[in-house]
PDB file of N, CA and C in Angstrom:
ATOM      1  N   MET A   1      60.833 115.501-112.532  1.00  0.00           N
ATOM      2  CA  MET A   1      59.946 114.508-112.278  1.00  0.00           C
ATOM      3  C   MET A   1      58.866 114.650-111.008  1.00  0.00           C
ATOM      4  N   ALA A   2      59.524 115.139-110.033  1.00  0.00           N
ATOM      5  CA  ALA A   2      59.157 115.360-108.993  1.00  0.00           C
ATOM      6  C   ALA A   2      57.661 116.717-108.805  1.00  0.00           C
ATOM      7  N   THR A   3      58.438 117.546-109.618  1.00  0.00           N
ATOM      8  CA  THR A   3      57.614 118.865-110.121  1.00  0.00           C
ATOM      9  C   THR A   3      56.248 118.187-110.909  1.00  0.00           C
ATOM     10  N   LEU A   4      56.623 117.456-111.762  1.00  0.00           N
ATOM     11  CA  LEU A   4      55.602 117.000-112.781  1.00  0.00           C
ATOM     12  C   LEU A   4      54.314 115.891-111.640  1.00  0.00           C
ATOM     13  N   LEU A   5      54.894 115.388-111.044  1.00  0.00           N
ATOM     14  CA  LEU A   5      53.971 114.573-109.954  1.00  0.00           C
ATOM     15  C   LEU A   5      53.258 115.397-109.172  1.00  0.00           C
ATOM     16  N   SER A   6      53.983 116.216-108.315  1.00  0.00           N
ATOM     17  CA  SER A   6      53.440 117.211-107.504  1.00  0.00           C
ATOM     18  C   SER A   6      52.047 118.259-108.149  1.00  0.00           C
ATOM     19  N   MET A   7      52.322 118.559-109.541  1.00  0.00           N
ATOM     20  CA  MET A   7      51.460 119.254-110.139  1.00  0.00           C
ATOM     21  C   MET A   7      50.055 118.547-110.311  1.00  0.00           C
ATOM     22  N   LYS A   8      50.444 117.130-110.540  1.00  0.00           N
ATOM     23  CA  LYS A   8      49.311 116.080-110.870  1.00  0.00           C
ATOM     24  C   LYS A   8      48.523 115.741-109.815  1.00  0.00           C
ATOM     25  N   LEU A   9      49.122 115.461-108.904  1.00  0.00           N
ATOM     26  CA  LEU A   9      48.503 115.246-107.449  1.00  0.00           C
ATOM     27  C   LEU A   9      47.791 115.966-106.728  1.00  0.00           C
ATOM     28  N   LYS A  10      48.432 117.333-107.181  1.00  0.00           N
ATOM     29  CA  LYS A  10      47.682 118.568-106.410  1.00  0.00           C
ATOM     30  C   LYS A  10      46.122 118.851-106.738  1.00  0.00           C
ATOM     31  N   PRO A  11      45.226 118.821-105.782  1.00  0.00           N
ATOM     32  CA  PRO A  11      43.824 118.989-106.196  1.00  0.00           C
ATOM     33  C   PRO A  11      43.663 120.257-106.769  1.00  0.00           C
ATOM     34  N   SER A  12      42.385 120.607-107.492  1.00  0.00           N
ATOM     35  CA  SER A  12      42.246 121.663-108.293  1.00  0.00           C
ATOM     36  C   SER A  12      41.555 122.847-107.284  1.00  0.00           C
ATOM     37  N   ARG A  13      40.753 122.023-106.339  1.00  0.00           N
ATOM     38  CA  ARG A  13      40.390 123.005-105.266  1.00  0.00           C
ATOM     39  C   ARG A  13      40.578 122.459-104.038  1.00  0.00           C
ATOM     40  N   ASN A  14      40.128 123.245-102.583  1.00  0.00           N
ATOM     41  CA  ASN A  14      40.870 123.103-101.334  1.00  0.00           C
ATOM     42  C   ASN A  14      39.787 122.094-100.867  1.00  0.00           C
ATOM     43  N   ILE A  15      40.226 121.479 -99.921  1.00  0.00           N
ATOM     44  CA  ILE A  15      39.393 120.551 -98.953  1.00  0.00           C
ATOM     45  C   ILE A  15      38.100 121.119 -98.873  1.00  0.00           C
ATOM     46  N   LEU A  16      38.140 122.415 -98.196  1.00  0.00           N
ATOM     47  CA  LEU A  16      36.603 122.640 -97.920  1.00  0.00           C
ATOM     48  C   LEU A  16      35.833 122.739 -99.079  1.00  0.00           C
ATOM     49  N   GLU A  17      36.225 123.194-100.128  1.00  0.00           N
ATOM     50  CA  GLU A  17      35.418 123.172-101.414  1.00  0.00           C
ATOM     51  C   GLU A  17      34.815 121.700-101.693  1.00  0.00           C
ATOM     52  N   ASN A  18      36.070 120.845-101.742  1.00  0.00           N
ATOM     53  CA  ASN A  18      35.699 119.611-102.088  1.00  0.00           C
ATOM     54  C   ASN A  18      34.613 118.637-101.560  1.00  0.00           C
ATOM     55  N   THR A  19      34.758 119.041 -99.958  1.00  0.00           N
ATOM     56  CA  THR A  19      33.780 118.509 -98.753  1.00  0.00           C
ATOM     57  C   THR A  19      32.379 118.868 -98.943  1.00  0.00           C
ATOM     58  N   GLU A  20      32.395 120.474 -99.203  1.00  0.00           N
ATOM     59  CA  GLU A  20      31.081 121.052 -99.275  1.00  0.00           C
ATOM     60  C   GLU A  20      30.448 120.513-100.389  1.00  0.00           C
ATOM     61  N   SER A  21      31.127 120.302-101.934  1.00  0.00           N
ATOM     62  CA  SER A  21      30.419 119.828-103.165  1.00  0.00           C
ATOM     63  C   SER A  21      30.225 118.344-102.857  1.00  0.00           C
ATOM     64  N   ILE A  22      30.924 117.497-102.301  1.00  0.00           N
ATOM     65  CA  ILE A  22      30.202 116.234-102.198  1.00  0.00           C
ATOM     66  C   ILE A  22      28.933 116.137-101.237  1.00  0.00           C
ATOM     67  N   ARG A  23      29.194 116.968 -99.961  1.00  0.00           N
ATOM     68  CA  ARG A  23      28.099 116.826 -99.090  1.00  0.00           C
ATOM     69  C   ARG A  23      26.466 117.141 -99.894  1.00  0.00           C
ATOM     70  N   ARG A  24      26.831 118.524-100.463  1.00  0.00           N
ATOM     71  CA  ARG A  24      25.689 119.060-101.368  1.00  0.00           C
ATOM     72  C   ARG A  24      24.933 117.686-102.196  1.00  0.00           C
ATOM     73  N   LYS A  25      26.063 116.867-103.080  1.00  0.00           N
ATOM     74  CA  LYS A  25      25.706 115.844-103.916  1.00  0.00           C
ATOM     75  C   LYS A  25      24.982 114.951-103.100  1.00  0.00           C
ATOM     76  N   ILE A  26      25.305 114.454-102.000  1.00  0.00           N
ATOM     77  CA  ILE A  26      24.987 113.282-101.070  1.00  0.00           C
ATOM     78  C   ILE A  26      23.216 113.935-100.636  1.00  0.00           C
ATOM     79  N   ILE A  27      23.372 115.097-100.578  1.00  0.00           N
ATOM     80  CA  ILE A  27      22.289 115.803 -99.613  1.00  0.00           C
ATOM     81  C   ILE A  27      21.191 115.770-100.834  1.00  0.00           C
ATOM     82  N   LEU A  28      21.126 116.427-102.196  1.00  0.00           N
ATOM     83  CA  LEU A  28      20.470 116.172-102.906  1.00  0.00           C
ATOM     84  C   LEU A  28      20.160 115.354-103.667  1.00  0.00           C
ATOM     85  N   GLN A  29      20.993 113.932-103.372  1.00  0.00           N
ATOM     86  CA  GLN A  29      20.338 112.667-104.154  1.00  0.00           C
ATOM     87  C   GLN A  29      19.500 112.117-103.117  1.00  0.00           C
ATOM     88  N   SER A  30      19.355 112.160-101.748  1.00  0.00           N
ATOM     89  CA  SER A  30      18.381 111.312-100.968  1.00  0.00           C
ATOM     90  C   SER A  30      17.129 112.313-100.547  1.00  0.00           C
ATOM     91  N   SER A  31      16.477 111.369-100.532  1.00  0.00           N
ATOM     92  CA  SER A  31      15.109 111.777-100.193  1.00  0.00           C
ATOM     93  C   SER A  31      14.958 112.239 -98.218  1.00  0.00           C
ATOM     94  N   LEU A  32      15.963 111.714 -97.658  1.00  0.00           N
ATOM     95  CA  LEU A  32      15.755 111.943 -96.153  1.00  0.00           C
ATOM     96  C   LEU A  32      16.173 113.172 -95.867  1.00  0.00           C
ATOM     97  N   PRO A  33      15.968 113.549 -94.761  1.00  0.00           N
ATOM     98  CA  PRO A  33      16.586 115.034 -94.305  1.00  0.00           C
ATOM     99  C   PRO A  33      17.863 114.630 -93.657  1.00  0.00           C
ATOM    100  N   ALA A  34      18.695 115.600 -93.819  1.00  0.00           N
ATOM    101  CA  ALA A  34      19.927 115.378 -93.428  1.00  0.00           C
ATOM    102  C   ALA A  34      20.350 115.091 -92.109  1.00  0.00           C
ATOM    103  N   SER A  35      19.515 115.125 -91.176  1.00  0.00           N
ATOM    104  CA  SER A  35      19.695 114.593 -89.753  1.00  0.00           C
ATOM    105  C   SER A  35      19.398 113.055 -89.572  1.00  0.00           C
ATOM    106  N   ASN A  36      18.856 112.886 -90.487  1.00  0.00           N
ATOM    107  CA  ASN A  36      18.439 111.036 -90.293  1.00  0.00           C
ATOM    108  C   ASN A  36      19.135 110.468 -91.447  1.00  0.00           C
ATOM    109  N   PHE A  37      20.520 110.331 -90.920  1.00  0.00           N
ATOM    110  CA  PHE A  37      21.610 109.585 -91.713  1.00  0.00           C
ATOM    111  C   PHE A  37      21.186 107.990 -91.552  1.00  0.00           C
ATOM    112  N   SER A  38      20.360 107.274 -92.367  1.00  0.00           N
ATOM    113  CA  SER A  38      19.947 105.959 -92.273  1.00  0.00           C
ATOM    114  C   SER A  38      20.720 105.306 -93.193  1.00  0.00           C
ATOM    115  N   ARG A  39      20.986 103.921 -93.017  1.00  0.00           N
ATOM    116  CA  ARG A  39      21.379 103.030 -93.899  1.00  0.00           C
ATOM    117  C   ARG A  39      21.458 103.240 -95.457  1.00  0.00           C
ATOM    118  N   SER A  40      20.237 103.599 -95.738  1.00  0.00           N
ATOM    119  CA  SER A  40      20.049 103.538 -97.529  1.00  0.00           C
ATOM    120  C   SER A  40      20.630 105.217 -97.615  1.00  0.00           C
ATOM    121  N   LYS A  41      20.654 106.056 -96.991  1.00  0.00           N
ATOM    122  CA  LYS A  41      21.566 107.075 -96.929  1.00  0.00           C
ATOM    123  C   LYS A  41      23.141 106.840 -97.167  1.00  0.00           C
ATOM    124  N   GLU A  42      23.535 106.073 -96.143  1.00  0.00           N
ATOM    125  CA  GLU A  42      24.858 105.929 -96.285  1.00  0.00           C
ATOM    126  C   GLU A  42      25.277 105.056 -97.359  1.00  0.00           C
ATOM    127  N   GLU A  43      24.527 104.031 -97.802  1.00  0.00           N
ATOM    128  CA  GLU A  43      24.708 103.674 -98.961  1.00  0.00           C
ATOM    129  C   GLU A  43      24.850 104.226-100.367  1.00  0.00           C
ATOM    130  N   LYS A  44      24.011 105.390-100.505  1.00  0.00           N
ATOM    131  CA  LYS A  44      23.985 106.329-101.481  1.00  0.00           C
ATOM    132  C   LYS A  44      25.316 107.604-101.173  1.00  0.00           C
ATOM    133  N   ALA A  45      25.503 107.765-100.060  1.00  0.00           N
ATOM    134  CA  ALA A  45      27.226 108.531 -99.879  1.00  0.00           C
ATOM    135  C   ALA A  45      28.195 107.664-100.036  1.00  0.00           C
ATOM    136  N   VAL A  46      28.180 106.320-100.129  1.00  0.00           N
ATOM    137  CA  VAL A  46      29.158 105.420-100.215  1.00  0.00           C
ATOM    138  C   VAL A  46      29.296 105.576-102.092  1.00  0.00           C
ATOM    139  N   ARG A  47      28.040 105.481-102.804  1.00  0.00           N
ATOM    140  CA  ARG A  47      28.433 105.168-104.025  1.00  0.00           C
ATOM    141  C   ARG A  47      28.923 106.828-104.654  1.00  0.00           C
ATOM    142  N   ILE A  48      28.510 107.700-104.179  1.00  0.00           N
ATOM    143  CA  ILE A  48      28.729 109.121-104.573  1.00  0.00           C
ATOM    144  C   ILE A  48      30.209 109.430-103.857  1.00  0.00           C
ATOM    145  N   LEU A  49      30.701 109.076-103.081  1.00  0.00           N
ATOM    146  CA  LEU A  49      32.235 109.018-102.691  1.00  0.00           C
ATOM    147  C   LEU A  49      32.925 108.095-103.620  1.00  0.00           C
ATOM    148  N   SER A  50      32.343 106.966-103.955  1.00  0.00           N
ATOM    149  CA  SER A  50      33.194 106.273-104.521  1.00  0.00           C
ATOM    150  C   SER A  50      33.598 106.753-106.103  1.00  0.00           C
ATOM    151  N   LYS A  51      32.725 107.587-106.809  1.00  0.00           N
ATOM    152  CA  LYS A  51      32.744 107.919-108.077  1.00  0.00           C
ATOM    153  C   LYS A  51      33.841 109.358-107.985  1.00  0.00           C
ATOM    154  N   SER A  52      33.607 109.883-106.545  1.00  0.00           N
ATOM    155  CA  SER A  52      34.411 111.135-106.418  1.00  0.00           C
ATOM    156  C   SER A  52      35.949 110.609-106.780  1.00  0.00           C
ATOM    157  N   LYS A  53      36.530 111.917-107.164  1.00  0.00           N
ATOM    158  CA  LYS A  53      37.969 111.804-107.666  1.00  0.00           C
ATOM    159  C   LYS A  53      38.879 112.829-106.378  1.00  0.00           C
ATOM    160  N   THR A  54      38.167 113.327-105.759  1.00  0.00           N
ATOM    161  CA  THR A  54      38.551 114.508-105.009  1.00  0.00           C
ATOM    162  C   THR A  54      39.048 113.928-103.578  1.00  0.00           C
ATOM    163  N   ASP A  55      40.149 114.706-102.749  1.00  0.00           N
ATOM    164  CA  ASP A  55      40.411 114.537-101.514  1.00  0.00           C
ATOM    165  C   ASP A  55      39.535 114.925-100.500  1.00  0.00           C
ATOM    166  N   LEU A  56      39.483 114.147 -99.378  1.00  0.00           N
ATOM    167  CA  LEU A  56      38.340 114.540 -98.575  1.00  0.00           C
ATOM    168  C   LEU A  56      39.269 114.866 -97.302  1.00  0.00           C
ATOM    169  N   GLY A  57      38.515 115.461 -96.171  1.00  0.00           N
ATOM    170  CA  GLY A  57      38.898 115.802 -95.071  1.00  0.00           C
ATOM    171  C   GLY A  57      38.045 116.213 -93.852  1.00  0.00           C
ATOM    172  N   ILE A  58      38.458 116.474 -92.416  1.00  0.00           N
ATOM    173  CA  ILE A  58      37.787 117.129 -91.666  1.00  0.00           C
ATOM    174  C   ILE A  58      37.353 118.589 -91.908  1.00  0.00           C
ATOM    175  N   VAL A  59      36.268 119.024 -91.640  1.00  0.00           N
ATOM    176  CA  VAL A  59      35.782 120.092 -92.056  1.00  0.00           C
ATOM    177  C   VAL A  59      35.055 120.688 -90.742  1.00  0.00           C
ATOM    178  N   HIS A  60      35.797 121.643 -89.929  1.00  0.00           N
ATOM    179  CA  HIS A  60      34.832 122.419 -88.582  1.00  0.00           C
ATOM    180  C   HIS A  60      33.998 123.444 -89.235  1.00  0.00           C
ATOM    181  N   LYS A  61      33.002 123.451 -88.668  1.00  0.00           N
ATOM    182  CA  LYS A  61      31.662 124.485 -89.331  1.00  0.00           C
ATOM    183  C   LYS A  61      31.151 124.984 -88.214  1.00  0.00           C
ATOM    184  N   ARG A  62      30.666 126.284 -88.162  1.00  0.00           N
ATOM    185  CA  ARG A  62      30.176 127.049 -87.189  1.00  0.00           C
ATOM    186  C   ARG A  62      28.829 126.503 -87.366  1.00  0.00           C
ATOM    187  N   SER A  63      28.016 126.569 -86.093  1.00  0.00           N
ATOM    188  CA  SER A  63      26.656 126.141 -86.086  1.00  0.00           C
ATOM    189  C   SER A  63      25.788 127.523 -86.002  1.00  0.00           C
ATOM    190  N   ASN A  64      24.444 127.421 -86.202  1.00  0.00           N
ATOM    191  CA  ASN A  64      23.764 128.550 -85.983  1.00  0.00           C
ATOM    192  C   ASN A  64      23.274 128.560 -84.558  1.00  0.00           C
ATOM    193  N   THR A  65      23.117 127.635 -84.324  1.00  0.00           N
ATOM    194  CA  THR A  65      22.504 127.158 -82.562  1.00  0.00           C
ATOM    195  C   THR A  65      23.953 127.344 -81.644  1.00  0.00           C
ATOM    196  N   GLU A  66      23.312 127.644 -80.359  1.00  0.00           N
ATOM    197  CA  GLU A  66      24.773 127.730 -79.627  1.00  0.00           C
ATOM    198  C   GLU A  66      24.047 126.616 -78.323  1.00  0.00           C
ATOM    199  N   VAL A  67      25.310 126.181 -77.780  1.00  0.00           N
ATOM    200  CA  VAL A  67      25.130 125.421 -76.787  1.00  0.00           C
ATOM    201  C   VAL A  67      26.168 125.700 -75.648  1.00  0.00           C
ATOM    202  N   ASN A  68      25.372 125.731 -74.188  1.00  0.00           N
ATOM    203  CA  ASN A  68      26.089 126.079 -73.208  1.00  0.00           C
ATOM    204  C   ASN A  68      27.080 125.420 -72.834  1.00  0.00           C
ATOM    205  N   CYS A  69      28.137 125.388 -72.653  1.00  0.00           N
ATOM    206  CA  CYS A  69      29.276 124.034 -72.571  1.00  0.00           C
ATOM    207  C   CYS A  69      29.391 123.804 -71.158  1.00  0.00           C
ATOM    208  N   ASP A  70      29.266 124.845 -70.185  1.00  0.00           N
ATOM    209  CA  ASP A  70      29.520 124.566 -68.795  1.00  0.00           C
ATOM    210  C   ASP A  70      28.327 124.794 -67.742  1.00  0.00           C
ATOM    211  N   GLY A  71      27.197 124.535 -68.471  1.00  0.00           N
ATOM    212  CA  GLY A  71      26.172 124.503 -67.393  1.00  0.00           C
ATOM    213  C   GLY A  71      25.880 125.841 -66.980  1.00  0.00           C
ATOM    214  N   GLY A  72      26.355 126.749 -66.961  1.00  0.00           N
ATOM    215  CA  GLY A  72      26.274 128.109 -66.286  1.00  0.00           C
ATOM    216  C   GLY A  72      26.997 129.348 -67.133  1.00  0.00           C
ATOM    217  N   GLY A  73      26.845 130.563 -66.741  1.00  0.00           N
ATOM    218  CA  GLY A  73      27.628 131.470 -67.452  1.00  0.00           C
ATOM    219  C   GLY A  73      26.806 131.685 -68.739  1.00  0.00           C
ATOM    220  N   GLU A  74      27.847 133.026 -68.997  1.00  0.00           N
ATOM    221  CA  GLU A  74      27.082 133.552 -70.352  1.00  0.00           C
ATOM    222  C   GLU A  74      27.965 133.190 -71.438  1.00  0.00           C
ATOM    223  N   LYS A  75      29.159 132.808 -71.532  1.00  0.00           N
ATOM    224  CA  LYS A  75      29.931 132.215 -72.883  1.00  0.00           C
ATOM    225  C   LYS A  75      29.310 130.966 -73.467  1.00  0.00           C
ATOM    226  N   LYS A  76      28.975 131.136 -74.612  1.00  0.00           N
ATOM    227  CA  LYS A  76      28.228 129.618 -75.009  1.00  0.00           C
ATOM    228  C   LYS A  76      29.007 129.363 -76.530  1.00  0.00           C
ATOM    229  N   VAL A  77      29.534 128.278 -76.600  1.00  0.00           N
ATOM    230  CA  VAL A  77      30.294 128.078 -77.784  1.00  0.00           C
ATOM    231  C   VAL A  77      29.388 126.511 -78.120  1.00  0.00           C
ATOM    232  N   LYS A  78      29.505 126.422 -79.531  1.00  0.00           N
ATOM    233  CA  LYS A  78      29.095 125.262 -80.194  1.00  0.00           C
ATOM    234  C   LYS A  78      30.186 124.893 -81.698  1.00  0.00           C
ATOM    235  N   ILE A  79      30.385 123.469 -81.122  1.00  0.00           N
ATOM    236  CA  ILE A  79      31.471 123.262 -82.115  1.00  0.00           C
ATOM    237  C   ILE A  79      30.867 122.131 -82.712  1.00  0.00           C
ATOM    238  N   CYS A  80      30.617 122.242 -84.409  1.00  0.00           N
ATOM    239  CA  CYS A  80      30.357 121.177 -85.160  1.00  0.00           C
ATOM    240  C   CYS A  80      31.230 120.562 -85.987  1.00  0.00           C
ATOM    241  N   ALA A  81      31.829 119.714 -86.084  1.00  0.00           N
ATOM    242  CA  ALA A  81      32.529 119.023 -86.844  1.00  0.00           C
ATOM    243  C   ALA A  81      31.864 117.701 -87.839  1.00  0.00           C
ATOM    244  N   SER A  82      32.166 117.939 -89.412  1.00  0.00           N
ATOM    245  CA  SER A  82      31.848 116.989 -90.332  1.00  0.00           C
ATOM    246  C   SER A  82      32.853 116.409 -90.847  1.00  0.00           C
ATOM    247  N   LEU A  83      32.720 114.886 -90.273  1.00  0.00           N
ATOM    248  CA  LEU A  83      33.469 114.039 -90.925  1.00  0.00           C
ATOM    249  C   LEU A  83      33.349 113.336 -92.293  1.00  0.00           C
ATOM    250  N   VAL A  84      34.233 113.428 -93.372  1.00  0.00           N
ATOM    251  CA  VAL A  84      33.794 113.151 -94.532  1.00  0.00           C
ATOM    252  C   VAL A  84      34.850 112.359 -94.923  1.00  0.00           C
ATOM    253  N   GLY A  85      34.673 110.564 -95.307  1.00  0.00           N
ATOM    254  CA  GLY A  85      35.682 109.823 -95.336  1.00  0.00           C
ATOM    255  C   GLY A  85      35.199 108.946 -96.164  1.00  0.00           C
ATOM    256  N   ASP A  86      35.903 107.539 -95.997  1.00  0.00           N
ATOM    257  CA  ASP A  86      35.357 106.593 -96.793  1.00  0.00           C
ATOM    258  C   ASP A  86      34.384 105.468 -95.956  1.00  0.00           C
ATOM    259  N   TYR A  87      33.055 105.841 -96.465  1.00  0.00           N
ATOM    260  CA  TYR A  87      31.936 104.894 -95.635  1.00  0.00           C
ATOM    261  C   TYR A  87      32.337 103.575 -96.183  1.00  0.00           C
ATOM    262  N   GLY A  88      32.661 103.255 -97.385  1.00  0.00           N
ATOM    263  CA  GLY A  88      32.824 101.823 -97.857  1.00  0.00           C
ATOM    264  C   GLY A  88      33.512 100.711 -97.155  1.00  0.00           C
ATOM    265  N   THR A  89      35.003 101.323 -95.952  1.00  0.00           N
ATOM    266  CA  THR A  89      35.431 100.275 -95.400  1.00  0.00           C
ATOM    267  C   THR A  89      34.782 100.176 -93.987  1.00  0.00           C
ATOM    268  N   SER A  90      33.438 100.682 -93.843  1.00  0.00           N
ATOM    269  CA  SER A  90      32.801 100.512 -92.617  1.00  0.00           C
ATOM    270  C   SER A  90      32.203  98.804 -92.269  1.00  0.00           C
ATOM    271  N   SER A  91      32.617  98.475 -90.805  1.00  0.00           N
ATOM    272  CA  SER A  91      32.355  97.096 -90.504  1.00  0.00           C
ATOM    273  C   SER A  91      30.886  97.009 -89.905  1.00  0.00           C
ATOM    274  N   ASP A  92      30.050  97.926 -89.852  1.00  0.00           N
ATOM    275  CA  ASP A  92      29.142  98.314 -88.998  1.00  0.00           C
ATOM    276  C   ASP A  92      27.829  97.463 -89.818  1.00  0.00           C
ATOM    277  N   SER A  93      27.235  96.516 -89.312  1.00  0.00           N
ATOM    278  CA  SER A  93      26.404  95.574 -89.787  1.00  0.00           C
ATOM    279  C   SER A  93      24.773  96.387 -89.873  1.00  0.00           C
ATOM    280  N   ASP A  94      24.467  97.538 -89.716  1.00  0.00           N
ATOM    281  CA  ASP A  94      23.276  97.888 -89.173  1.00  0.00           C
ATOM    282  C   ASP A  94      22.159  97.676 -90.483  1.00  0.00           C
TER     283      ASP A  94
END
């Protein structure tokens, strides 16, 4: 029984592939640029995510731009984290 349940609950793709697929759907269905995440775009994201049956998670991605973190020196680091989750439970009233 446990083996059957674990096979049934196991996602067919990993979290990174699922998150990227959902991210592309959100961006393609929006008329706004990805940098302008407005209320209407958030509502579209909620509709897409509510229809999705995949597991979501936090995905860390490398950015093309670099930011000097210490204000000086030669080492430059840019950490770009994309959080994908349940936007429907947000209590924000914007």
